[in-house]
Amino acid sequence: MLRAAEDPDESRGLSFALVELHIDLCAMEAPMSVGIAWVVSVLLETPSGFAVFYFCGLLLYVPDAIESMWVNFVTDTRAREALWLKVFQTFDDKSSAINADTGVNTQLTEMIMKPRRPGEKLVVGKPEYKSIIETRLGIPCLHDEIVMELMWGMKRLMRSLVRSEKSELHKEDRLPMSQGLQMLLSRYGFHVEPEMVNEQIVVTASVLFDCDAVEKKHYPGFQAIGRHLKKLSGIDCENWDVLKLATAFNIICSHEIGDSDEMFSEDMQTKLLGDADKYEEKINGFDSE
């Protein structure tokens, strides 16, 4: 169930994200009745304590979440569209707050229990925390590779998300490079070691990701253009990408080659210009043949 945020300004972006994600979830095989939570609680360990966040739970279940989670944490502004801080507390001795021998102490238990609704899962960053909390508190927890992508992003922006935390993360607490980020860089032929990842690489990679997302979103529409190119001009464009299809369509609409002379052969340019009038009835709305 969607809970109202305690800070309306911080949750406004989250509300828009939830609406968009609900639309995406409707296309998934698993129905909403399987128990996907709109908002979940996340336990984040910081250098001096623990923080509990509310997080857009749908992001954990979108298709290809392992590849896309990191993009929500490129900037703190973007991150605040997906989560907001509920509570942060420092601990004199974090090792006594949660461990296999003594369980979960009173201070951390109250932090976890106060914002939680009955039956709600708690997202945690360590498998041992999952085991301890489930055993000692009876709270179902979630920890998997997608959660680790979430933790990578939250720790990356920890100083801005938890402004009361004044300490820096220890080197051993820093997570390796995001799997999703690594997948994207590898897909473009970049083999980057985790220690080489900096702000510029993350931001640049996010631009590539967003461009890919736009192309994926609009590709079905451009496939319709391709079918008309085949039908009206006999052009086989089955393996054309969105840019090439869009460029061909621009030539047909404008009756000009423009800056696309290197993309098409002279024969193809002549064909597109010569057949442009055939598409006049299609310009204002391609059908879905």
Protein backbone atom coordinates (compact mmCIF):
# COMPACT_ATOMS: atom_id res chain seq x y z
CA MET A 1 0.00 0.00 0.00
CA LEU A 2 1.23 3.51 -0.79
CA ARG A 3 1.98 5.50 2.32
CA ALA A 4 1.85 9.26 2.44
CA ALA A 5 5.26 10.87 2.80
CA GLU A 6 6.07 12.83 5.90
CA ASP A 7 7.68 15.53 3.73
CA PRO A 8 5.39 16.32 0.77
CA ASP A 9 8.14 18.20 -1.07
CA GLU A 10 10.47 15.20 -0.99
CA SER A 11 7.78 12.75 -2.03
CA ARG A 12 6.38 14.73 -4.98
CA GLY A 13 8.93 13.29 -7.40
CA LEU A 14 8.30 9.83 -5.99
CA SER A 15 4.60 10.13 -6.79
CA PHE A 16 5.31 10.81 -10.46
CA ALA A 17 7.72 7.86 -10.54
CA LEU A 18 5.07 5.57 -9.06
CA VAL A 19 2.51 6.51 -11.69
CA GLU A 20 4.95 5.78 -14.53
CA LEU A 21 6.09 2.53 -12.95
CA HIS A 22 2.52 1.34 -12.40
CA ILE A 23 1.99 1.62 -16.14
CA ASP A 24 5.16 -0.41 -16.75
CA LEU A 25 4.14 -3.07 -14.22
CA CYS A 26 0.83 -3.60 -16.01
CA ALA A 27 2.82 -5.01 -18.93
CA MET A 28 4.61 -7.58 -16.78
CA GLU A 29 3.57 -11.21 -16.55
CA ALA A 30 3.20 -11.13 -12.76
CA PRO A 31 0.00 -9.36 -11.64
CA MET A 32 0.00 -6.77 -8.85
CA SER A 33 -1.78 -9.33 -6.66
CA VAL A 34 1.51 -11.17 -6.09
CA GLY A 35 2.24 -8.66 -3.33
CA ILE A 36 4.50 -6.10 -4.95
CA ALA A 37 4.67 -3.14 -2.57
CA TRP A 38 4.36 0.39 -3.90
CA VAL A 39 6.64 1.65 -1.12
CA VAL A 40 9.06 -0.43 0.96
CA SER A 41 11.40 0.37 3.82
CA VAL A 42 15.16 0.14 3.27
CA LEU A 43 17.72 -0.27 6.05
CA LEU A 44 20.98 1.46 5.13
CA GLU A 45 24.09 1.08 7.26
CA THR A 46 26.23 4.20 7.40
CA PRO A 47 29.68 4.75 8.96
CA SER A 48 28.25 5.94 12.29
CA GLY A 49 24.79 4.40 12.41
CA PHE A 50 21.73 3.28 10.45
CA ALA A 51 19.12 5.01 8.31
CA VAL A 52 15.66 3.87 7.27
CA PHE A 53 14.33 5.08 3.94
CA TYR A 54 11.06 4.76 2.11
CA PHE A 55 11.73 3.52 -1.42
CA CYS A 56 9.64 3.05 -4.57
CA GLY A 57 9.30 -0.73 -4.36
CA LEU A 58 8.16 -1.07 -7.97
CA LEU A 59 11.70 -0.27 -9.09
CA LEU A 60 12.79 -3.62 -7.68
CA TYR A 61 10.45 -5.48 -10.04
CA VAL A 62 10.56 -3.62 -13.34
CA PRO A 63 11.90 -5.62 -16.30
CA ASP A 64 15.71 -5.61 -16.39
CA ALA A 65 15.91 -3.99 -12.94
CA ILE A 66 19.45 -5.33 -12.55
CA GLU A 67 20.47 -3.20 -15.53
CA SER A 68 18.53 -0.04 -14.69
CA MET A 69 18.63 0.42 -10.91
CA TRP A 70 21.92 2.33 -10.89
CA VAL A 71 20.56 5.08 -13.14
CA ASN A 72 18.24 6.22 -10.34
CA PHE A 73 21.33 7.24 -8.36
CA VAL A 74 23.34 9.23 -10.87
CA THR A 75 22.41 12.44 -9.04
CA ASP A 76 20.80 13.15 -5.68
CA THR A 77 17.94 14.94 -7.46
CA ARG A 78 17.18 11.84 -9.47
CA ALA A 79 17.51 9.64 -6.38
CA ARG A 80 14.94 11.69 -4.48
CA GLU A 81 12.38 10.78 -7.13
CA ALA A 82 12.67 7.21 -5.87
CA LEU A 83 13.28 7.44 -2.12
CA TRP A 84 13.28 9.67 0.92
CA LEU A 85 14.77 9.47 4.39
CA LYS A 86 12.49 8.42 7.22
CA VAL A 87 14.94 8.33 10.15
CA PHE A 88 18.67 8.31 10.85
CA GLN A 89 20.37 7.58 14.15
CA THR A 90 23.97 7.21 15.23
CA PHE A 91 25.10 4.27 17.36
CA ASP A 92 27.90 4.24 19.90
CA ASP A 93 28.66 0.64 18.98
CA LYS A 94 27.21 -0.58 15.69
CA SER A 95 28.53 -4.09 16.23
CA SER A 96 26.22 -4.50 19.20
CA ALA A 97 23.22 -3.10 17.30
CA ILE A 98 22.85 -6.21 15.18
CA ASN A 99 24.79 -9.46 15.35
CA ALA A 100 24.16 -13.19 15.30
CA ASP A 101 24.79 -13.64 19.04
CA THR A 102 22.60 -10.93 20.56
CA GLY A 103 20.19 -10.24 17.70
CA VAL A 104 18.91 -6.69 17.20
CA ASN A 105 19.18 -4.20 20.04
CA THR A 106 16.31 -2.04 21.24
CA GLN A 107 17.38 1.16 19.47
CA LEU A 108 17.64 -0.44 16.04
CA THR A 109 14.50 -2.52 16.59
CA GLU A 110 12.48 0.63 17.25
CA MET A 111 13.94 2.27 14.14
CA ILE A 112 12.91 -0.69 12.00
CA MET A 113 9.49 -1.26 13.54
CA LYS A 114 8.21 2.32 13.75
CA PRO A 115 7.84 3.05 10.00
CA ARG A 116 6.87 -0.50 9.10
CA ARG A 117 3.41 -1.79 8.22
CA PRO A 118 2.31 -5.38 9.04
CA GLY A 119 3.51 -7.87 6.44
CA GLU A 120 5.83 -5.40 4.76
CA LYS A 121 9.27 -6.62 3.71
CA LEU A 122 12.40 -4.82 4.81
CA VAL A 123 15.15 -4.32 2.22
CA VAL A 124 18.61 -4.92 3.71
CA GLY A 125 22.14 -4.69 2.35
CA LYS A 126 23.71 -7.77 3.93
CA PRO A 127 22.65 -11.43 3.89
CA GLU A 128 23.51 -11.79 7.58
CA TYR A 129 21.19 -8.89 8.42
CA LYS A 130 18.41 -10.65 6.53
CA SER A 131 18.95 -13.82 8.56
CA ILE A 132 19.19 -12.06 11.93
CA ILE A 133 16.17 -9.79 11.44
CA GLU A 134 13.98 -12.57 10.09
CA THR A 135 14.97 -14.90 12.94
CA ARG A 136 14.93 -12.45 15.84
CA LEU A 137 12.22 -9.98 14.78
CA GLY A 138 10.12 -12.16 12.50
CA ILE A 139 10.23 -9.53 9.75
CA PRO A 140 10.54 -10.82 6.15
CA CYS A 141 13.53 -9.24 4.46
CA LEU A 142 14.69 -8.86 0.89
CA HIS A 143 18.33 -9.18 -0.14
CA ASP A 144 19.44 -10.09 -3.66
CA GLU A 145 21.57 -8.78 -6.51
CA ILE A 146 19.03 -6.09 -7.39
CA VAL A 147 19.06 -4.90 -3.78
CA MET A 148 22.85 -4.69 -4.00
CA GLU A 149 22.44 -2.38 -6.99
CA LEU A 150 20.18 -0.24 -4.82
CA MET A 151 22.76 -0.23 -2.03
CA TRP A 152 25.49 0.73 -4.49
CA GLY A 153 23.49 3.77 -5.50
CA MET A 154 22.54 4.78 -1.95
CA LYS A 155 26.11 4.50 -0.70
CA ARG A 156 27.33 6.45 -3.71
CA LEU A 157 25.09 9.37 -2.70
CA MET A 158 25.12 8.72 1.05
CA ARG A 159 26.45 12.15 2.04
CA SER A 160 23.63 13.95 0.25
CA LEU A 161 20.89 11.44 1.16
CA VAL A 162 21.89 11.30 4.84
CA ARG A 163 23.13 14.81 5.50
CA SER A 164 23.50 14.25 9.24
CA GLU A 165 26.15 11.59 8.54
CA LYS A 166 29.50 13.36 8.86
CA SER A 167 31.80 10.35 8.50
CA GLU A 168 33.12 8.91 5.27
CA LEU A 169 32.60 5.31 4.20
CA HIS A 170 35.54 3.05 4.93
CA LYS A 171 37.17 1.51 1.87
CA GLU A 172 35.97 -1.98 2.86
CA ASP A 173 32.37 -0.68 3.04
CA ARG A 174 32.40 0.67 -0.51
CA LEU A 175 30.60 -1.61 -2.93
CA PRO A 176 32.17 -2.73 -6.24
CA MET A 177 31.00 -1.17 -9.47
CA SER A 178 27.31 -1.50 -10.20
CA GLN A 179 26.51 -4.54 -12.32
CA GLY A 180 24.11 -2.52 -14.44
CA LEU A 181 26.72 0.16 -15.09
CA GLN A 182 29.27 -2.51 -15.97
CA MET A 183 26.81 -4.17 -18.37
CA LEU A 184 26.21 -0.89 -20.18
CA LEU A 185 29.90 -0.03 -20.48
CA SER A 186 30.70 -3.54 -21.74
CA ARG A 187 27.91 -3.32 -24.31
CA TYR A 188 29.59 -0.23 -25.74
CA GLY A 189 33.03 -1.86 -25.71
CA PHE A 190 34.42 -0.15 -22.61
CA HIS A 191 36.18 -2.42 -20.10
CA VAL A 192 36.52 -0.31 -16.97
CA GLU A 193 37.98 -1.52 -13.68
CA PRO A 194 35.90 -0.63 -10.57
CA GLU A 195 38.62 1.64 -9.19
CA MET A 196 38.56 3.65 -12.43
CA VAL A 197 34.90 4.62 -12.14
CA ASN A 198 34.47 8.34 -11.42
CA GLU A 199 31.69 10.89 -11.59
CA GLN A 200 32.28 11.70 -15.24
CA ILE A 201 32.05 8.05 -16.27
CA VAL A 202 28.83 7.52 -14.30
CA VAL A 203 27.15 10.65 -15.69
CA THR A 204 28.24 9.94 -19.27
CA ALA A 205 27.07 6.34 -19.00
CA SER A 206 23.69 7.54 -17.74
CA VAL A 207 23.28 9.64 -20.89
CA LEU A 208 23.94 6.55 -22.99
CA PHE A 209 21.42 4.60 -20.91
CA ASP A 210 18.75 7.28 -21.35
CA CYS A 211 19.36 7.39 -25.10
CA ASP A 212 19.01 3.61 -25.28
CA ALA A 213 15.77 3.83 -23.28
CA VAL A 214 14.32 6.41 -25.67
CA GLU A 215 15.31 4.30 -28.67
CA LYS A 216 13.74 1.19 -27.11
CA LYS A 217 10.55 3.10 -26.34
CA HIS A 218 10.10 4.50 -29.84
CA TYR A 219 11.46 1.63 -31.90
CA PRO A 220 8.05 -0.04 -32.45
CA GLY A 221 6.77 3.16 -34.04
CA PHE A 222 9.74 3.37 -36.36
CA GLN A 223 9.27 -0.26 -37.31
CA ALA A 224 5.96 0.86 -38.84
CA ILE A 225 7.94 3.32 -40.94
CA GLY A 226 10.16 0.44 -42.02
CA ARG A 227 7.16 -1.57 -43.15
CA HIS A 228 6.04 1.32 -45.35
CA LEU A 229 9.53 1.68 -46.81
CA LYS A 230 9.34 -1.99 -47.77
CA LYS A 231 5.80 -1.74 -49.14
CA LEU A 232 6.03 1.53 -51.08
CA SER A 233 9.69 1.61 -52.10
CA GLY A 234 10.79 -2.01 -51.91
CA ILE A 235 13.56 -1.06 -49.43
CA ASP A 236 14.64 -3.85 -47.08
CA CYS A 237 15.33 -2.06 -43.78
CA GLU A 238 14.86 -4.98 -41.39
CA ASN A 239 18.27 -4.42 -39.77
CA TRP A 240 18.11 -0.63 -39.64
CA ASP A 241 18.30 1.06 -36.25
CA VAL A 242 16.08 3.93 -35.10
CA LEU A 243 18.51 6.61 -36.28
CA LYS A 244 18.63 5.25 -39.81
CA LEU A 245 14.86 4.83 -40.01
CA ALA A 246 14.33 8.34 -38.65
CA THR A 247 16.82 9.78 -41.12
CA ALA A 248 15.11 8.07 -44.05
CA PHE A 249 11.76 9.40 -42.87
CA ASN A 250 13.23 12.91 -42.57
CA ILE A 251 14.46 12.74 -46.17
CA ILE A 252 10.99 11.67 -47.34
CA CYS A 253 9.27 14.46 -45.38
CA SER A 254 11.71 17.26 -46.21
CA HIS A 255 12.62 16.19 -49.77
CA GLU A 256 16.22 16.99 -48.78
CA ILE A 257 19.28 14.87 -48.05
CA GLY A 258 20.74 17.31 -45.55
CA ASP A 259 23.57 15.92 -43.41
CA SER A 260 22.66 12.28 -44.03
CA ASP A 261 24.72 11.82 -47.17
CA GLU A 262 27.18 9.48 -45.41
CA MET A 263 24.46 7.22 -44.02
CA PHE A 264 22.97 6.20 -47.39
CA SER A 265 24.45 5.37 -50.75
CA GLU A 266 23.72 7.67 -53.67
CA ASP A 267 21.31 5.10 -55.11
CA MET A 268 19.42 4.95 -51.80
CA GLN A 269 19.27 8.75 -51.54
CA THR A 270 17.87 8.92 -55.09
CA LYS A 271 15.32 6.24 -54.27
CA LEU A 272 14.10 7.99 -51.11
CA LEU A 273 13.82 11.37 -52.84
CA GLY A 274 12.16 9.89 -55.92
CA ASP A 275 9.54 8.02 -53.88
CA ALA A 276 8.83 10.82 -51.41
CA ASP A 277 5.49 11.71 -53.00
CA LYS A 278 4.26 8.14 -52.48
CA TYR A 279 4.25 8.74 -48.73
CA GLU A 280 2.13 11.89 -48.75
CA GLU A 281 -0.93 10.11 -47.39
CA LYS A 282 1.14 8.44 -44.68
CA ILE A 283 2.91 11.49 -43.32
CA ASN A 284 0.14 12.51 -40.94
CA GLY A 285 -0.20 9.14 -39.30
CA PHE A 286 1.32 5.79 -40.04
CA ASP A 287 -1.00 2.83 -39.63
CA SER A 288 0.05 -0.34 -37.85
CA GLU A 289 0.01 -2.79 -40.70
